[in-house]
């Protein structure tokens, strides 16, 4: 699990079939002090996170692929929660 900040979303005219209908967000990993920690990561979202929200993201590819319903999907990361306050 990783705490991230949402820095935007991805818009694409073409994508893998398993990603159609899913929101894909740009997630900036954060360290324990809230500072940027590494390169941004793309993740699917069904929680409704918005720009600037802090979220909890999982990198469990098997669970994420099960969620999108395709074991051959290229997706690996998923937003699993939005951090309050």
N, C-alpha and C. Protein backbone atom coordinates (compact mmCIF):
# COMPACT_ATOMS: atom_id res chain seq x y z
N UNK A 1 0.84 -1.18 0.00
CA UNK A 1 0.00 0.00 0.00
C UNK A 1 0.89 1.25 0.00
N UNK A 2 0.39 2.27 -0.65
CA UNK A 2 1.15 3.50 -0.82
C UNK A 2 0.19 4.68 -0.69
N UNK A 3 0.58 5.71 0.04
CA UNK A 3 -0.21 6.94 0.09
C UNK A 3 0.25 7.82 -1.06
N UNK A 4 -0.73 8.34 -1.81
CA UNK A 4 -0.43 9.16 -3.00
C UNK A 4 -1.33 10.38 -3.03
N UNK A 5 -0.93 11.36 -3.84
CA UNK A 5 -1.76 12.53 -4.12
C UNK A 5 -2.20 12.43 -5.57
N UNK A 6 -3.46 12.74 -5.84
CA UNK A 6 -3.96 12.70 -7.21
C UNK A 6 -3.56 14.00 -7.91
N UNK A 7 -2.79 13.85 -8.99
CA UNK A 7 -2.30 15.00 -9.75
C UNK A 7 -3.02 15.18 -11.07
N UNK A 8 -3.94 14.30 -11.42
CA UNK A 8 -4.67 14.43 -12.67
C UNK A 8 -5.28 13.11 -13.09
N UNK A 9 -5.83 13.11 -14.29
CA UNK A 9 -6.40 11.88 -14.84
C UNK A 9 -5.92 11.71 -16.27
N UNK A 10 -6.10 10.50 -16.79
CA UNK A 10 -5.64 10.16 -18.13
C UNK A 10 -6.85 10.10 -19.05
N UNK A 11 -6.73 10.72 -20.21
CA UNK A 11 -7.75 10.65 -21.24
C UNK A 11 -7.10 10.01 -22.47
N UNK A 12 -7.77 8.99 -23.01
CA UNK A 12 -7.20 8.28 -24.14
C UNK A 12 -8.29 7.89 -25.12
N UNK A 13 -8.00 7.98 -26.40
CA UNK A 13 -8.96 7.54 -27.40
C UNK A 13 -8.85 6.05 -27.66
N UNK A 14 -7.72 5.47 -27.31
CA UNK A 14 -7.51 4.03 -27.46
C UNK A 14 -6.94 3.48 -26.16
N UNK A 15 -7.46 2.35 -25.72
CA UNK A 15 -6.92 1.71 -24.52
C UNK A 15 -7.19 0.22 -24.57
N UNK A 16 -6.55 -0.51 -23.69
CA UNK A 16 -6.78 -1.94 -23.58
C UNK A 16 -8.26 -2.18 -23.28
N UNK A 17 -8.85 -3.19 -23.87
CA UNK A 17 -10.27 -3.49 -23.71
C UNK A 17 -10.69 -3.54 -22.24
N UNK A 18 -9.83 -4.06 -21.38
CA UNK A 18 -10.17 -4.21 -19.95
C UNK A 18 -10.28 -2.88 -19.22
N UNK A 19 -9.75 -1.80 -19.81
CA UNK A 19 -9.76 -0.50 -19.14
C UNK A 19 -10.90 0.41 -19.60
N UNK A 20 -11.69 -0.05 -20.55
CA UNK A 20 -12.81 0.77 -21.03
C UNK A 20 -13.81 0.98 -19.91
N UNK A 21 -14.16 2.23 -19.68
CA UNK A 21 -15.11 2.57 -18.63
C UNK A 21 -14.49 2.84 -17.27
N UNK A 22 -13.20 2.65 -17.14
CA UNK A 22 -12.51 2.89 -15.87
C UNK A 22 -11.85 4.25 -15.88
N UNK A 23 -11.86 4.92 -14.74
CA UNK A 23 -11.10 6.17 -14.57
C UNK A 23 -9.66 5.79 -14.28
N UNK A 24 -8.74 6.43 -14.94
CA UNK A 24 -7.31 6.20 -14.69
C UNK A 24 -6.73 7.51 -14.19
N UNK A 25 -6.13 7.46 -13.00
CA UNK A 25 -5.62 8.65 -12.34
C UNK A 25 -4.10 8.66 -12.29
N UNK A 26 -3.54 9.85 -12.26
CA UNK A 26 -2.11 10.04 -12.07
C UNK A 26 -1.89 10.22 -10.57
N UNK A 27 -1.18 9.27 -9.97
CA UNK A 27 -0.97 9.24 -8.51
C UNK A 27 0.49 9.53 -8.20
N UNK A 28 0.73 10.58 -7.43
CA UNK A 28 2.09 10.93 -7.01
C UNK A 28 2.35 10.31 -5.64
N UNK A 29 3.26 9.29 -5.56
CA UNK A 29 3.57 8.70 -4.25
C UNK A 29 4.15 9.76 -3.30
N UNK A 30 3.79 9.63 -2.02
CA UNK A 30 4.25 10.56 -0.99
C UNK A 30 5.02 9.81 0.09
N UNK A 31 5.98 10.51 0.72
CA UNK A 31 6.68 9.91 1.85
C UNK A 31 5.91 10.20 3.13
N UNK A 32 6.47 9.80 4.28
CA UNK A 32 5.79 9.96 5.56
C UNK A 32 5.58 11.42 5.96
N UNK A 33 6.30 12.35 5.31
CA UNK A 33 6.15 13.78 5.59
C UNK A 33 5.25 14.48 4.58
N UNK A 34 4.72 13.73 3.61
CA UNK A 34 3.85 14.31 2.60
C UNK A 34 4.57 14.87 1.40
N UNK A 35 5.88 14.65 1.31
CA UNK A 35 6.66 15.14 0.17
C UNK A 35 6.64 14.10 -0.95
N UNK A 36 6.78 14.57 -2.19
CA UNK A 36 6.84 13.66 -3.33
C UNK A 36 7.93 12.62 -3.12
N UNK A 37 7.62 11.38 -3.52
CA UNK A 37 8.54 10.27 -3.30
C UNK A 37 8.55 9.38 -4.54
N UNK A 38 9.32 9.76 -5.55
CA UNK A 38 9.41 8.96 -6.77
C UNK A 38 8.54 9.51 -7.89
N UNK A 39 8.50 8.74 -8.97
CA UNK A 39 7.76 9.13 -10.17
C UNK A 39 6.26 8.85 -10.01
N UNK A 40 5.43 9.63 -10.70
CA UNK A 40 3.99 9.38 -10.67
C UNK A 40 3.65 7.99 -11.22
N UNK A 41 2.53 7.47 -10.75
CA UNK A 41 2.06 6.12 -11.11
C UNK A 41 0.62 6.25 -11.59
N UNK A 42 0.25 5.45 -12.59
CA UNK A 42 -1.14 5.41 -13.04
C UNK A 42 -1.89 4.32 -12.27
N UNK A 43 -3.15 4.62 -11.93
CA UNK A 43 -3.96 3.65 -11.19
C UNK A 43 -5.43 3.79 -11.59
N UNK A 44 -6.14 2.66 -11.63
CA UNK A 44 -7.59 2.73 -11.86
C UNK A 44 -8.26 3.15 -10.56
N UNK A 45 -9.44 3.77 -10.71
CA UNK A 45 -10.14 4.31 -9.54
C UNK A 45 -11.63 4.05 -9.65
N UNK A 46 -12.21 3.50 -8.60
CA UNK A 46 -13.67 3.41 -8.53
C UNK A 46 -14.17 4.07 -7.25
N UNK A 47 -13.28 4.76 -6.55
CA UNK A 47 -13.63 5.43 -5.30
C UNK A 47 -14.13 6.85 -5.54
N UNK A 48 -13.83 7.42 -6.70
CA UNK A 48 -14.25 8.79 -6.99
C UNK A 48 -13.28 9.84 -6.50
N UNK A 49 -12.00 9.52 -6.44
CA UNK A 49 -10.99 10.48 -5.98
C UNK A 49 -10.88 11.63 -6.97
N UNK A 50 -10.57 12.81 -6.45
CA UNK A 50 -10.44 13.99 -7.28
C UNK A 50 -9.07 14.62 -7.19
N UNK A 51 -8.85 15.63 -8.01
CA UNK A 51 -7.57 16.33 -8.06
C UNK A 51 -7.18 16.81 -6.67
N UNK A 52 -5.95 16.51 -6.25
CA UNK A 52 -5.43 16.96 -4.97
C UNK A 52 -5.76 16.04 -3.80
N UNK A 53 -6.68 15.09 -3.98
CA UNK A 53 -7.00 14.15 -2.89
C UNK A 53 -5.80 13.29 -2.56
N UNK A 54 -5.69 12.93 -1.30
CA UNK A 54 -4.71 11.93 -0.88
C UNK A 54 -5.44 10.60 -0.83
N UNK A 55 -4.82 9.59 -1.43
CA UNK A 55 -5.47 8.29 -1.55
C UNK A 55 -4.53 7.18 -1.09
N UNK A 56 -5.11 6.02 -0.84
CA UNK A 56 -4.33 4.82 -0.59
C UNK A 56 -4.42 3.98 -1.85
N UNK A 57 -3.26 3.59 -2.36
CA UNK A 57 -3.18 2.84 -3.60
C UNK A 57 -2.52 1.50 -3.34
N UNK A 58 -3.03 0.45 -3.98
CA UNK A 58 -2.40 -0.85 -3.90
C UNK A 58 -1.72 -1.16 -5.22
N UNK A 59 -0.63 -1.90 -5.14
CA UNK A 59 0.07 -2.35 -6.34
C UNK A 59 -0.12 -3.84 -6.55
N UNK A 60 -1.16 -4.39 -5.94
CA UNK A 60 -1.47 -5.82 -6.07
C UNK A 60 -2.13 -6.06 -7.43
N UNK A 61 -1.33 -6.42 -8.40
CA UNK A 61 -1.83 -6.59 -9.76
C UNK A 61 -2.90 -7.65 -9.90
N UNK A 62 -2.79 -8.76 -9.18
CA UNK A 62 -3.78 -9.83 -9.30
C UNK A 62 -5.17 -9.35 -8.86
N UNK A 63 -5.23 -8.63 -7.76
CA UNK A 63 -6.51 -8.11 -7.28
C UNK A 63 -7.07 -7.07 -8.25
N UNK A 64 -6.22 -6.21 -8.76
CA UNK A 64 -6.66 -5.18 -9.69
C UNK A 64 -7.17 -5.80 -10.99
N UNK A 65 -6.46 -6.80 -11.50
CA UNK A 65 -6.91 -7.47 -12.73
C UNK A 65 -8.23 -8.20 -12.50
N UNK A 66 -8.42 -8.77 -11.32
CA UNK A 66 -9.70 -9.41 -10.99
C UNK A 66 -10.83 -8.37 -10.97
N UNK A 67 -10.54 -7.18 -10.45
CA UNK A 67 -11.53 -6.12 -10.40
C UNK A 67 -11.98 -5.69 -11.80
N UNK A 68 -11.04 -5.56 -12.73
CA UNK A 68 -11.41 -5.15 -14.09
C UNK A 68 -11.93 -6.32 -14.91
N UNK A 69 -11.81 -7.53 -14.37
CA UNK A 69 -12.39 -8.70 -15.02
C UNK A 69 -11.59 -9.28 -16.17
N UNK A 70 -10.27 -9.10 -16.15
CA UNK A 70 -9.43 -9.63 -17.23
C UNK A 70 -8.06 -9.99 -16.66
N UNK A 71 -7.78 -11.27 -16.56
CA UNK A 71 -6.50 -11.69 -15.97
C UNK A 71 -5.30 -11.36 -16.85
N UNK A 72 -5.54 -10.93 -18.08
CA UNK A 72 -4.45 -10.55 -18.98
C UNK A 72 -4.34 -9.03 -19.14
N UNK A 73 -5.08 -8.29 -18.33
CA UNK A 73 -5.03 -6.83 -18.39
C UNK A 73 -3.65 -6.32 -17.99
N UNK A 74 -3.20 -5.22 -18.60
CA UNK A 74 -1.91 -4.64 -18.22
C UNK A 74 -1.96 -3.83 -16.92
N UNK A 75 -3.14 -3.66 -16.36
CA UNK A 75 -3.30 -2.84 -15.16
C UNK A 75 -2.73 -3.54 -13.93
N UNK A 76 -2.14 -2.74 -13.04
CA UNK A 76 -1.57 -3.29 -11.81
C UNK A 76 -1.99 -2.50 -10.57
N UNK A 77 -2.20 -1.20 -10.68
CA UNK A 77 -2.44 -0.33 -9.53
C UNK A 77 -3.90 0.09 -9.44
N UNK A 78 -4.37 0.23 -8.19
CA UNK A 78 -5.77 0.61 -7.96
C UNK A 78 -5.87 1.47 -6.72
N UNK A 79 -6.69 2.52 -6.79
CA UNK A 79 -7.01 3.33 -5.62
C UNK A 79 -8.00 2.53 -4.78
N UNK A 80 -7.67 2.32 -3.50
CA UNK A 80 -8.55 1.55 -2.62
C UNK A 80 -9.22 2.39 -1.55
N UNK A 81 -8.81 3.66 -1.40
CA UNK A 81 -9.43 4.51 -0.41
C UNK A 81 -8.98 5.95 -0.53
N UNK A 82 -9.82 6.85 -0.02
CA UNK A 82 -9.50 8.27 0.02
C UNK A 82 -9.23 8.64 1.47
N UNK A 83 -8.11 9.33 1.72
CA UNK A 83 -7.70 9.69 3.07
C UNK A 83 -8.50 10.91 3.54
N UNK A 84 -9.14 10.81 4.71
CA UNK A 84 -9.86 11.94 5.31
C UNK A 84 -8.88 12.83 6.07
N UNK A 85 -9.23 14.13 6.11
CA UNK A 85 -8.55 15.10 6.95
C UNK A 85 -7.12 14.90 7.07
